[in-house]
Amino acid sequence: MRGEEGMTIVEVIVAGLILVVGALGVLGIVDAASRNTFRAEQSQVVANLLQAEMEKLRQLAYAELALEALPVHSDDPNDPDSRVSNTIFFYAGRNGTGLKPLVYNGGSNGSEQVEGGKIAPSSPFEVGNVKGTIHRYVVWDTCPSGLCADGRHLKRVIVSVRLAATASGGQDRRYQEVQGQFVDPEAEPAVFPGQKPGGSDSVPWTLWLTDTPCDQNARQPLQGTGHPAHNTRGDCADGVQVGNLPGAPDLLWPEAADEGEAVKYDYSTDIEPQPTGDEGLQVVPGGACGSTQMTDLARGAAGEPDAPDTLAFQRVHRWLSPPIPGEPGSGDVLLTGDGTLNLWTRTISGAVYPGRVCAWLFVRSYSGETIVDTTAINLGPPLSLHFEHFATTWPSAGWEEIALPLSFGYAEEGGALPLPPGSRLGLAVAVGGDTKTGLQFIYDQPSFDSRLELATRGTRPPGA
């Protein structure tokens, strides 16, 4: 008899259809993965370009911080040039807020004409398969103090990156930007002026991160080669502590480390994934930046050891400024809501992985034995109590500087953050839970000057 092995035509057709449908699904997944990978590559390129551009501009002389020509207005809302209106730029956002006059060759500021500017308004870029345009703007920033009576000694630089439309990267990705303030060095006095708190004078602050506990009234020279991580979960009066005993936060100080102290130290010898390669401070991953757990670690003064998380102090590190000068009742100092946190950082052991830094600004005030930390609001978008910086590939081959733009406020002061006399400005830094192993940070060293730069109104920096 004839054998009946084999497949009928119908079975072949059905099998073919199943194969085609399955292949289409696989191809769809591959295509989506390719798109996501390319978009992540775009985001990393943009972040690197923004940081590199801002660092390049900081190398220019103050007089050279001007546009070579006026940028031309664009009707495209996805183009940063849409914020240009003749000689005015809307620096505060895409919705047409924050009018500032542009600084450009041929323009003027009072009786003085601007010339010698070396900043091109825009230029194309191409990094691998990622293409787009870099937009640059320079505006005269608000500086009504006696130092800036003629309005010429404070500029704001805005750098935006717009990606070229691509099928794989998306057609209308929103541009990203960073901003920075530049002070005329000839107008900045060697000693900060002593305005009375509560006045209308504006003097930008720079506060450097130190390894000195805040129970000291000045930055102390570094000693030895390293020490266990400071427990910064307490208050200044607790003094320096290590391990699970609440101690003093470290000090934010208005002067950088001396040039003669160009030595790297290990600020957390108790966190040793690779002892021979550790420098600075190692911070282990915590939770999500916006979680209640991390916010509670960032603010408040612990009165007793943490339980059951006895290593909570390794997940967050905090700094406090000296007390804000002024007599009670003389009025508050106001932080006007702009600033930048600059951190020198790298991965642990030189490994390659994504990283996320979380940061909080807060005001620590005292009423008898009661300590209250008031957290600044990140104006976003979106609104939050923290600031963060994420990179798909965190610096690993060496130390690199990252910049977190700060736009913050306080509802009861029209966006400004008040610092009453006797209070202290606080900074907390942590590592997001999606970061493998943790991150390293270096500071209190002249070549790696991690610092907090802020706009203020009404007094000199505390401790100056």
Protein backbone atom coordinates (compact mmCIF):
# COMPACT_ATOMS: atom_id res chain seq x y z
CA MET A 1 0.00 0.00 0.00
CA ARG A 2 1.06 3.58 -0.67
CA GLY A 3 2.58 5.26 2.44
CA GLU A 4 0.66 8.15 4.07
CA GLU A 5 3.68 9.92 5.65
CA GLY A 6 4.24 13.63 4.83
CA MET A 7 2.19 16.86 4.97
CA THR A 8 -0.77 18.01 2.99
CA ILE A 9 -0.77 21.33 1.12
CA VAL A 10 -3.14 22.78 3.73
CA GLU A 11 -0.77 21.85 6.55
CA VAL A 12 2.16 23.45 4.69
CA ILE A 13 0.19 26.67 4.17
CA VAL A 14 -0.82 26.82 7.87
CA ALA A 15 2.75 26.18 9.01
CA GLY A 16 3.99 28.90 6.66
CA LEU A 17 1.46 31.37 8.03
CA ILE A 18 2.50 30.59 11.60
CA LEU A 19 6.16 31.08 10.65
CA VAL A 20 5.44 34.43 8.97
CA VAL A 21 3.35 35.73 11.86
CA GLY A 22 6.00 34.70 14.37
CA ALA A 23 8.76 36.29 12.30
CA LEU A 24 6.81 39.55 12.06
CA GLY A 25 6.48 39.62 15.84
CA VAL A 26 10.20 39.01 16.33
CA LEU A 27 11.07 41.68 13.78
CA GLY A 28 8.78 44.12 15.57
CA ILE A 29 10.55 43.47 18.88
CA VAL A 30 13.97 43.85 17.24
CA ASP A 31 12.86 47.11 15.60
CA ALA A 32 11.53 48.51 18.90
CA ALA A 33 14.73 47.51 20.71
CA SER A 34 16.82 49.20 18.02
CA ARG A 35 14.77 52.39 18.33
CA ASN A 36 15.08 52.43 22.11
CA THR A 37 18.82 51.83 21.91
CA PHE A 38 19.23 54.67 19.43
CA ARG A 39 17.13 57.04 21.55
CA ALA A 40 19.25 56.19 24.61
CA GLU A 41 22.36 56.88 22.52
CA GLN A 42 20.87 60.22 21.48
CA SER A 43 20.15 61.16 25.09
CA GLN A 44 23.71 60.34 26.16
CA VAL A 45 25.19 62.33 23.28
CA VAL A 46 23.01 65.33 24.17
CA ALA A 47 24.03 65.19 27.85
CA ASN A 48 27.71 64.99 26.91
CA LEU A 49 27.42 67.84 24.42
CA LEU A 50 25.66 70.14 26.89
CA GLN A 51 28.28 69.58 29.55
CA ALA A 52 31.17 69.91 27.08
CA GLU A 53 29.76 73.14 25.61
CA MET A 54 29.28 74.74 29.02
CA GLU A 55 32.80 73.80 30.11
CA LYS A 56 34.18 75.21 26.83
CA LEU A 57 32.38 78.50 27.38
CA ARG A 58 33.79 78.76 30.91
CA GLN A 59 37.25 78.97 29.34
CA LEU A 60 36.39 82.24 27.56
CA ALA A 61 37.22 85.64 28.99
CA TYR A 62 34.21 87.53 30.35
CA ALA A 63 34.35 90.08 27.50
CA GLU A 64 34.24 87.24 24.95
CA LEU A 65 30.95 85.91 26.39
CA ALA A 66 28.77 87.48 23.71
CA LEU A 67 27.08 86.21 20.55
CA GLU A 68 28.79 86.86 17.23
CA ALA A 69 25.38 87.77 15.78
CA LEU A 70 21.73 87.87 16.79
CA PRO A 71 19.87 84.53 16.49
CA VAL A 72 16.86 84.56 14.16
CA HIS A 73 13.35 83.90 15.50
CA SER A 74 11.69 80.61 14.52
CA ASP A 75 7.96 79.86 14.43
CA ASP A 76 8.63 76.20 15.24
CA PRO A 77 7.85 75.65 18.97
CA ASN A 78 10.29 72.71 19.00
CA ASP A 79 13.12 75.06 17.98
CA PRO A 80 14.79 76.98 20.85
CA ASP A 81 15.00 79.99 18.51
CA SER A 82 11.23 80.31 19.01
CA ARG A 83 12.15 81.99 22.31
CA VAL A 84 13.98 84.80 20.48
CA SER A 85 12.09 88.05 20.01
CA ASN A 86 14.28 90.64 18.24
CA THR A 87 16.96 91.41 20.87
CA ILE A 88 15.14 89.65 23.74
CA PHE A 89 15.31 86.02 24.85
CA PHE A 90 12.76 84.18 27.02
CA TYR A 91 15.32 82.40 29.17
CA ALA A 92 12.98 80.80 31.73
CA GLY A 93 11.22 78.33 29.45
CA ARG A 94 9.39 77.38 26.30
CA ASN A 95 6.20 79.14 27.40
CA GLY A 96 7.57 82.67 26.91
CA THR A 97 8.68 83.71 30.42
CA GLY A 98 11.77 85.36 31.85
CA LEU A 99 12.59 88.22 29.48
CA LYS A 100 16.31 89.01 29.27
CA PRO A 101 18.19 91.20 26.73
CA LEU A 102 20.63 89.30 24.54
CA VAL A 103 24.36 90.05 24.61
CA TYR A 104 25.65 90.23 21.02
CA ASN A 105 28.28 92.03 18.96
CA GLY A 106 26.90 95.37 17.86
CA GLY A 107 24.42 95.53 20.71
CA SER A 108 24.75 97.84 23.67
CA ASN A 109 24.24 97.99 27.40
CA GLY A 110 23.75 101.59 28.35
CA SER A 111 26.45 103.68 26.73
CA GLU A 112 28.83 100.78 26.14
CA GLN A 113 28.74 98.84 22.87
CA VAL A 114 29.33 95.09 22.90
CA GLU A 115 32.21 93.78 20.80
CA GLY A 116 34.66 90.91 20.84
CA GLY A 117 32.03 88.19 21.34
CA LYS A 118 33.21 84.72 20.28
CA ILE A 119 30.07 82.61 20.66
CA ALA A 120 28.32 81.36 17.52
CA PRO A 121 24.50 81.41 17.94
CA SER A 122 24.21 77.90 16.50
CA SER A 123 26.22 75.16 14.81
CA PRO A 124 25.46 71.65 13.53
CA PHE A 125 26.95 68.56 15.16
CA GLU A 126 27.36 64.93 14.21
CA VAL A 127 28.45 62.25 16.68
CA GLY A 128 28.31 58.85 15.04
CA ASN A 129 24.73 58.46 13.80
CA VAL A 130 23.42 61.24 16.03
CA LYS A 131 22.98 64.61 14.34
CA GLY A 132 21.43 67.92 15.30
CA THR A 133 22.09 71.55 16.13
CA ILE A 134 23.62 73.27 19.14
CA HIS A 135 21.99 76.62 20.01
CA ARG A 136 23.72 79.16 22.25
CA TYR A 137 22.35 82.30 23.89
CA VAL A 138 23.91 84.91 26.19
CA VAL A 139 21.73 87.33 28.16
CA TRP A 140 22.33 90.07 30.71
CA ASP A 141 21.24 88.64 34.04
CA THR A 142 19.60 90.49 36.92
CA CYS A 143 22.21 91.93 39.26
CA PRO A 144 20.93 95.08 40.98
CA SER A 145 23.56 95.31 43.72
CA GLY A 146 26.18 98.01 44.08
CA LEU A 147 28.62 95.64 42.37
CA CYS A 148 26.50 95.66 39.22
CA ALA A 149 24.97 99.13 39.22
CA ASP A 150 25.46 99.45 35.46
CA GLY A 151 24.14 95.93 34.77
CA ARG A 152 27.27 94.69 33.00
CA HIS A 153 28.83 92.27 35.44
CA LEU A 154 26.56 89.21 35.42
CA LYS A 155 25.66 87.17 32.35
CA ARG A 156 23.62 84.01 31.88
CA VAL A 157 24.53 81.51 29.17
CA ILE A 158 21.94 79.07 27.82
CA VAL A 159 23.00 76.10 25.68
CA SER A 160 20.32 74.01 23.94
CA VAL A 161 20.67 70.89 21.79
CA ARG A 162 18.04 69.96 19.23
CA LEU A 163 18.25 66.56 17.56
CA ALA A 164 17.64 66.14 13.85
CA ALA A 165 14.41 64.28 13.07
CA THR A 166 14.97 60.60 12.29
CA ALA A 167 12.63 57.67 11.83
CA SER A 168 14.41 55.60 14.47
CA GLY A 169 14.95 58.41 16.98
CA GLY A 170 11.57 60.07 16.75
CA GLN A 171 10.43 63.02 14.67
CA ASP A 172 9.80 65.65 17.36
CA ARG A 173 12.06 65.05 20.35
CA ARG A 174 12.08 68.08 22.64
CA TYR A 175 15.34 69.93 22.82
CA GLN A 176 17.34 69.89 26.05
CA GLU A 177 19.32 72.71 27.63
CA VAL A 178 21.58 73.81 30.49
CA GLN A 179 22.15 77.28 31.94
CA GLY A 180 24.99 78.86 33.84
CA GLN A 181 25.82 82.24 35.37
CA PHE A 182 29.09 84.04 34.67
CA VAL A 183 30.36 86.83 36.94
CA ASP A 184 32.75 89.51 35.73
CA PRO A 185 35.94 88.74 37.71
CA GLU A 186 36.87 92.43 37.73
CA ALA A 187 33.63 93.24 39.58
CA GLU A 188 33.85 90.46 42.16
CA PRO A 189 35.56 91.78 45.31
CA ALA A 190 38.22 89.84 47.17
CA VAL A 191 36.02 90.01 50.27
CA PHE A 192 32.26 89.69 49.93
CA PRO A 193 30.43 92.92 50.83
CA GLY A 194 28.50 92.93 54.08
CA GLN A 195 24.97 93.84 53.02
CA LYS A 196 22.32 93.50 55.66
CA PRO A 197 20.06 90.44 55.30
CA GLY A 198 16.72 91.17 53.70
CA GLY A 199 18.05 93.77 51.28
CA SER A 200 17.68 93.80 47.52
CA ASP A 201 21.36 93.29 46.70
CA SER A 202 22.32 90.21 44.69
CA VAL A 203 25.65 88.43 45.09
CA PRO A 204 26.11 84.95 43.57
CA TRP A 205 27.33 82.39 46.10
CA THR A 206 29.76 79.55 45.57
CA LEU A 207 29.95 77.00 48.40
CA TRP A 208 32.49 74.18 48.13
CA LEU A 209 31.93 70.65 49.47
CA THR A 210 34.48 69.82 52.18
CA ASP A 211 35.45 66.85 54.31
CA THR A 212 35.31 69.01 57.47
CA PRO A 213 32.44 68.32 59.94
CA CYS A 214 30.13 71.32 60.38
CA ASP A 215 30.86 71.62 64.11
CA GLN A 216 34.03 73.42 62.98
CA ASN A 217 33.87 77.13 62.22
CA ALA A 218 36.25 76.88 59.25
CA ARG A 219 37.47 74.33 56.74
CA GLN A 220 40.21 72.09 58.22
CA PRO A 221 43.23 70.77 56.25
CA LEU A 222 42.94 67.10 55.31
CA GLN A 223 44.79 64.70 57.57
CA GLY A 224 46.20 61.23 56.96
CA THR A 225 45.26 59.20 53.90
CA GLY A 226 41.60 58.50 54.58
CA HIS A 227 38.95 57.58 57.13
CA PRO A 228 35.65 55.68 57.45
CA ALA A 229 32.56 57.38 56.04
CA HIS A 230 31.27 60.21 58.19
CA ASN A 231 27.78 59.56 59.50
CA THR A 232 26.05 62.80 58.50
CA ARG A 233 22.56 61.87 59.75
CA GLY A 234 22.75 64.08 62.86
CA ASP A 235 23.39 67.76 63.56
CA CYS A 236 26.56 69.84 63.89
CA ALA A 237 26.51 69.62 67.70
CA ASP A 238 26.92 65.81 67.46
CA GLY A 239 30.48 66.20 66.15
CA VAL A 240 32.22 63.81 63.79
CA GLN A 241 30.91 60.24 64.01
CA VAL A 242 31.40 57.06 61.98
CA GLY A 243 29.35 53.88 61.82
CA ASN A 244 25.69 53.83 62.87
CA LEU A 245 25.85 56.78 65.25
CA PRO A 246 24.33 60.07 64.01
CA GLY A 247 27.02 62.68 63.52
CA ALA A 248 27.64 66.13 62.08
CA PRO A 249 27.09 66.74 58.38
CA ASP A 250 30.16 67.98 56.55
CA LEU A 251 30.73 71.68 55.89
CA LEU A 252 29.74 73.79 52.87
CA TRP A 253 32.44 76.46 52.82
CA PRO A 254 32.76 79.67 50.73
CA GLU A 255 36.43 79.14 49.89
CA ALA A 256 37.98 76.44 47.70
CA ALA A 257 40.77 74.12 48.84
CA ASP A 258 44.29 75.58 48.71
CA GLU A 259 46.41 74.77 45.67
CA GLY A 260 48.98 73.17 47.95
CA GLU A 261 46.54 70.44 48.98
CA ALA A 262 46.40 68.61 45.66
CA VAL A 263 46.12 65.18 47.31
CA LYS A 264 43.33 62.64 46.87
CA TYR A 265 41.92 61.01 49.99
CA ASP A 266 39.57 58.10 50.62
CA TYR A 267 36.63 59.48 52.61
CA SER A 268 34.98 56.09 53.20
CA THR A 269 37.51 53.36 53.93
CA ASP A 270 34.68 51.20 55.34
CA ILE A 271 33.20 50.85 51.83
CA GLU A 272 35.94 49.00 50.01
CA PRO A 273 34.88 47.22 46.80
CA GLN A 274 38.42 47.77 45.50
CA PRO A 275 40.74 49.25 48.14
CA THR A 276 43.54 50.18 45.74
CA GLY A 277 41.22 52.13 43.45
CA ASP A 278 39.07 54.01 45.96
CA GLU A 279 39.25 57.77 46.23
CA GLY A 280 36.92 60.39 47.62
CA LEU A 281 33.54 59.30 48.95
CA GLN A 282 31.78 56.09 47.95
CA VAL A 283 27.97 56.12 48.24
CA VAL A 284 26.02 52.86 47.95
CA PRO A 285 22.68 52.72 46.08
CA GLY A 286 19.49 53.64 47.92
CA GLY A 287 15.95 53.62 46.58
CA ALA A 288 14.16 55.70 43.95
CA CYS A 289 15.13 59.39 44.21
CA GLY A 290 11.54 60.53 44.77
CA SER A 291 10.62 57.85 47.28
CA THR A 292 9.62 58.67 50.84
CA GLN A 293 12.46 56.46 52.06
CA MET A 294 15.13 58.51 50.30
CA THR A 295 13.54 61.88 51.14
CA ASP A 296 13.49 60.94 54.82
CA LEU A 297 17.18 60.01 54.65
CA ALA A 298 17.99 63.36 53.01
CA ARG A 299 16.36 65.61 55.62
CA GLY A 300 15.88 65.66 59.38
CA ALA A 301 18.40 65.15 62.18
CA ALA A 302 18.47 61.60 63.54
CA GLY A 303 18.61 61.46 67.34
CA GLU A 304 19.63 57.80 67.64
CA PRO A 305 21.18 55.03 65.51
CA ASP A 306 19.15 53.87 62.51
CA ALA A 307 17.26 50.57 62.80
CA PRO A 308 16.81 48.15 61.17
CA ASP A 309 18.82 49.74 58.31
CA THR A 310 22.08 50.17 60.18
CA LEU A 311 23.87 51.21 56.94
CA ALA A 312 21.50 54.07 56.12
CA PHE A 313 24.34 56.58 56.59
CA GLN A 314 26.19 54.99 53.65
CA ARG A 315 23.23 55.71 51.32
CA VAL A 316 23.21 59.49 51.73
CA HIS A 317 25.78 62.17 52.50
CA ARG A 318 24.91 65.64 53.74
CA TRP A 319 26.57 69.04 54.04
CA LEU A 320 25.54 72.18 55.97
CA SER A 321 26.71 75.76 55.56
CA PRO A 322 27.79 77.87 58.52
CA PRO A 323 24.91 79.75 60.18
CA ILE A 324 23.39 82.52 58.07
CA PRO A 325 24.69 85.85 59.45
CA GLY A 326 22.37 88.51 60.80
CA GLU A 327 20.51 89.43 63.95
CA PRO A 328 17.09 87.92 64.73
CA GLY A 329 14.39 90.07 63.19
CA SER A 330 16.75 91.64 60.64
CA GLY A 331 15.09 89.80 57.75
CA ASP A 332 15.73 86.63 55.80
CA VAL A 333 18.30 85.98 53.13
CA LEU A 334 16.55 84.86 49.94
CA LEU A 335 17.87 82.31 47.48
CA THR A 336 16.31 83.47 44.26
CA GLY A 337 15.76 80.06 42.76
CA ASP A 338 18.65 79.48 40.34
CA GLY A 339 21.86 77.55 40.70
CA THR A 340 24.04 74.59 39.72
CA LEU A 341 25.46 71.65 41.62
CA ASN A 342 28.81 70.56 40.15
CA LEU A 343 30.11 67.12 41.18
CA TRP A 344 33.27 65.27 40.18
CA THR A 345 32.35 61.59 39.98
CA ARG A 346 33.07 58.16 38.52
CA THR A 347 31.90 54.56 38.89
CA ILE A 348 33.38 52.20 41.45
CA SER A 349 36.29 49.98 40.37
CA GLY A 350 36.20 51.46 36.85
CA ALA A 351 33.19 49.34 35.90
CA VAL A 352 30.87 50.48 33.10
CA TYR A 353 27.21 50.87 34.07
CA PRO A 354 24.39 53.45 34.16
CA GLY A 355 24.28 55.86 37.09
CA ARG A 356 21.84 58.20 38.80
CA VAL A 357 22.57 60.94 41.34
CA CYS A 358 19.84 62.31 43.61
CA ALA A 359 20.23 65.68 45.35
CA TRP A 360 18.17 67.72 47.81
CA LEU A 361 18.44 71.34 49.00
CA PHE A 362 17.03 72.15 52.42
CA VAL A 363 17.08 74.83 55.10
CA ARG A 364 17.86 73.71 58.66
CA SER A 365 16.37 76.01 61.28
CA TYR A 366 16.48 75.82 65.07
CA SER A 367 13.95 76.62 67.78
CA GLY A 368 15.41 75.67 71.15
CA GLU A 369 16.16 71.94 70.91
CA THR A 370 13.84 71.49 67.91
CA ILE A 371 15.49 71.07 64.52
CA VAL A 372 13.40 71.52 61.36
CA ASP A 373 14.58 70.81 57.80
CA THR A 374 12.53 72.53 55.07
CA THR A 375 13.14 71.00 51.63
CA ALA A 376 13.29 73.25 48.58
CA ILE A 377 10.87 72.44 45.76
CA ASN A 378 12.32 71.52 42.37
CA LEU A 379 10.21 73.60 39.97
CA GLY A 380 10.71 70.94 37.30
CA PRO A 381 8.86 70.05 35.29
CA PRO A 382 7.68 67.97 37.00
CA LEU A 383 7.52 69.45 40.49
CA SER A 384 9.39 67.36 43.06
CA LEU A 385 11.40 67.58 46.28
CA HIS A 386 14.64 66.41 44.68
CA PHE A 387 16.95 66.96 41.71
CA GLU A 388 18.53 64.15 39.75
CA HIS A 389 21.01 63.42 36.96
CA PHE A 390 21.01 60.14 35.01
CA ALA A 391 23.50 58.83 32.46
CA THR A 392 23.27 55.54 30.59
CA THR A 393 27.06 55.30 30.82
CA TRP A 394 28.46 56.92 33.97
CA PRO A 395 32.08 58.20 33.83
CA SER A 396 34.33 55.23 34.52
CA ALA A 397 37.74 55.74 32.93
CA GLY A 398 38.53 58.76 35.11
CA TRP A 399 37.03 61.57 37.13
CA GLU A 400 34.54 63.72 35.21
CA GLU A 401 32.46 66.71 36.28
CA ILE A 402 28.68 66.60 35.98
CA ALA A 403 26.36 69.58 36.42
CA LEU A 404 22.83 69.49 37.90
CA PRO A 405 20.90 72.65 36.99
CA LEU A 406 18.84 73.83 39.97
CA SER A 407 15.55 75.66 39.60
CA PHE A 408 13.84 75.73 42.97
CA GLY A 409 11.36 77.70 45.00
CA TYR A 410 9.27 78.10 48.09
CA ALA A 411 5.58 78.85 47.69
CA GLU A 412 5.31 81.50 50.40
CA GLU A 413 8.12 83.68 49.04
CA GLY A 414 7.11 83.99 45.40
CA GLY A 415 9.55 81.31 44.31
CA ALA A 416 12.51 82.32 46.50
CA LEU A 417 13.85 80.19 49.35
CA PRO A 418 14.21 82.13 52.65
CA LEU A 419 17.16 81.57 54.98
CA PRO A 420 16.45 83.13 58.40
CA PRO A 421 19.41 84.42 60.44
CA GLY A 422 20.98 81.52 62.33
CA SER A 423 19.67 78.85 59.95
CA ARG A 424 21.91 76.73 57.75
CA LEU A 425 21.65 75.81 54.08
CA GLY A 426 21.79 72.03 53.57
CA LEU A 427 22.70 69.74 50.67
CA ALA A 428 22.11 65.97 50.54
CA VAL A 429 23.48 63.65 47.84
CA ALA A 430 22.49 60.01 47.27
CA VAL A 431 22.71 57.38 44.54
CA GLY A 432 19.59 56.00 42.85
CA GLY A 433 18.60 52.40 43.45
CA ASP A 434 18.97 51.60 39.73
CA THR A 435 22.75 52.22 39.92
CA LYS A 436 24.89 49.10 40.15
CA THR A 437 27.31 48.94 43.12
CA GLY A 438 27.34 52.70 43.79
CA LEU A 439 29.27 55.83 42.77
CA GLN A 440 32.34 57.72 43.89
CA PHE A 441 32.57 61.49 44.44
CA ILE A 442 35.65 63.59 45.01
CA TYR A 443 35.82 67.07 46.51
CA ASP A 444 37.84 69.29 48.86
CA GLN A 445 40.68 69.18 46.35
CA PRO A 446 41.69 72.09 44.05
CA SER A 447 41.60 70.09 40.82
CA PHE A 448 38.25 68.47 41.64
CA ASP A 449 36.24 71.38 43.01
CA SER A 450 32.77 69.93 43.63
CA ARG A 451 30.66 72.95 44.55
CA LEU A 452 27.21 74.50 44.89
CA GLU A 453 26.62 77.75 42.95
CA LEU A 454 23.54 79.80 43.85
CA ALA A 455 21.91 83.14 43.13
CA THR A 456 21.01 85.08 46.28
CA ARG A 457 19.50 88.32 47.47
CA GLY A 458 20.50 90.16 50.59
CA THR A 459 23.77 89.02 52.21
CA ARG A 460 27.23 87.55 51.81
CA PRO A 461 27.72 83.76 51.91
CA PRO A 462 27.74 82.34 55.45
CA GLY A 463 31.24 82.03 56.83
CA ALA A 464 32.81 84.51 54.40
